[in-house]
Amino acid sequence: MECGGRGYLATQTLVQVLKQCGDDLARENVMRQAANFKNLQLGLLLPGITINISPTRFPPITQMQMMRFNGRTLEGF
């Protein structure tokens, strides 16, 4: 994914963290919310690819889908 796409995904994730925080923007709560995502779907990820983060599991994306360029568009296989 290009650099702009990663930035957009990071921004969408930050927005979700802030929504989960509600009115409590203390560092401890922000960190707790940032370490608590279950099946978060973001706009630029392919359907079925979700973000899952827990206090003991930090890699946000552990799924992938193979695609190839057919001369005009990308297609899954």
Protein backbone atom coordinates (compact mmCIF):
# COMPACT_ATOMS: atom_id res chain seq x y z
CA MET A 1 0.00 0.00 0.00
CA GLU A 2 1.29 3.42 -0.85
CA CYS A 3 2.37 5.85 1.87
CA GLY A 4 -0.85 7.88 1.70
CA GLY A 5 -2.94 4.75 2.18
CA ARG A 6 -1.07 3.81 5.35
CA GLY A 7 -1.59 7.34 6.67
CA TYR A 8 -5.32 7.16 5.94
CA LEU A 9 -5.60 3.81 7.74
CA ALA A 10 -3.65 5.18 10.71
CA THR A 11 -6.00 8.18 10.86
CA GLN A 12 -9.10 5.96 10.69
CA THR A 13 -7.66 3.86 13.53
CA LEU A 14 -6.97 6.98 15.63
CA VAL A 15 -10.55 8.18 15.08
CA GLN A 16 -11.81 4.80 16.36
CA VAL A 17 -9.54 5.03 19.42
CA LEU A 18 -10.91 8.48 20.23
CA LYS A 19 -14.50 7.29 19.79
CA GLN A 20 -13.84 4.41 22.18
CA CYS A 21 -12.30 6.84 24.69
CA GLY A 22 -15.44 8.93 24.95
CA ASP A 23 -14.83 11.86 27.30
CA ASP A 24 -11.88 10.20 29.08
CA LEU A 25 -8.80 11.29 27.11
CA ALA A 26 -6.32 10.40 29.86
CA ARG A 27 -3.19 8.68 28.55
CA GLU A 28 -4.04 5.45 30.36
CA ASN A 29 -7.48 5.24 28.73
CA VAL A 30 -6.15 6.13 25.27
CA MET A 31 -3.54 3.36 25.57
CA ARG A 32 -6.16 0.90 26.87
CA GLN A 33 -8.50 1.67 23.96
CA ALA A 34 -5.67 1.51 21.41
CA ALA A 35 -4.93 -2.02 22.64
CA ASN A 36 -8.54 -3.14 22.29
CA PHE A 37 -9.85 -3.71 18.76
CA LYS A 38 -11.91 -6.69 17.68
CA ASN A 39 -12.74 -7.10 13.97
CA LEU A 40 -12.34 -3.41 13.13
CA GLN A 41 -13.02 -2.88 9.43
CA LEU A 42 -11.46 0.15 7.77
CA GLY A 43 -12.22 1.75 4.42
CA LEU A 44 -9.06 0.89 2.49
CA LEU A 45 -8.77 -2.73 3.64
CA LEU A 46 -10.14 -5.47 1.44
CA PRO A 47 -13.44 -7.02 2.53
CA GLY A 48 -12.83 -9.60 5.25
CA ILE A 49 -9.52 -8.08 6.38
CA THR A 50 -9.94 -6.71 9.90
CA ILE A 51 -7.82 -5.17 12.65
CA ASN A 52 -7.56 -7.14 15.89
CA ILE A 53 -5.42 -5.85 18.75
CA SER A 54 -5.42 -6.93 22.39
CA PRO A 55 -3.18 -6.17 25.37
CA THR A 56 -1.21 -9.35 24.60
CA ARG A 57 -1.35 -9.26 20.78
CA PHE A 58 -0.20 -6.09 19.02
CA PRO A 59 0.23 -6.85 15.28
CA PRO A 60 -2.91 -5.14 13.93
CA ILE A 61 -3.25 -7.02 10.64
CA THR A 62 -2.46 -10.73 10.40
CA GLN A 63 -4.50 -11.54 7.30
CA MET A 64 -3.76 -11.02 3.65
CA GLN A 65 -5.31 -11.72 0.31
CA MET A 66 -3.25 -12.52 -2.75
CA MET A 67 -4.07 -10.42 -5.81
CA ARG A 68 -2.64 -10.05 -9.28
CA PHE A 69 -2.83 -7.33 -11.90
CA ASN A 70 -4.62 -8.60 -15.01
CA GLY A 71 -3.56 -5.70 -17.23
CA ARG A 72 -6.47 -3.49 -16.18
CA THR A 73 -7.35 -4.12 -12.52
CA LEU A 74 -6.37 -6.16 -9.49
CA GLU A 75 -8.16 -9.46 -9.01
CA GLY A 76 -8.07 -11.88 -6.12
CA PHE A 77 -7.07 -15.51 -6.55
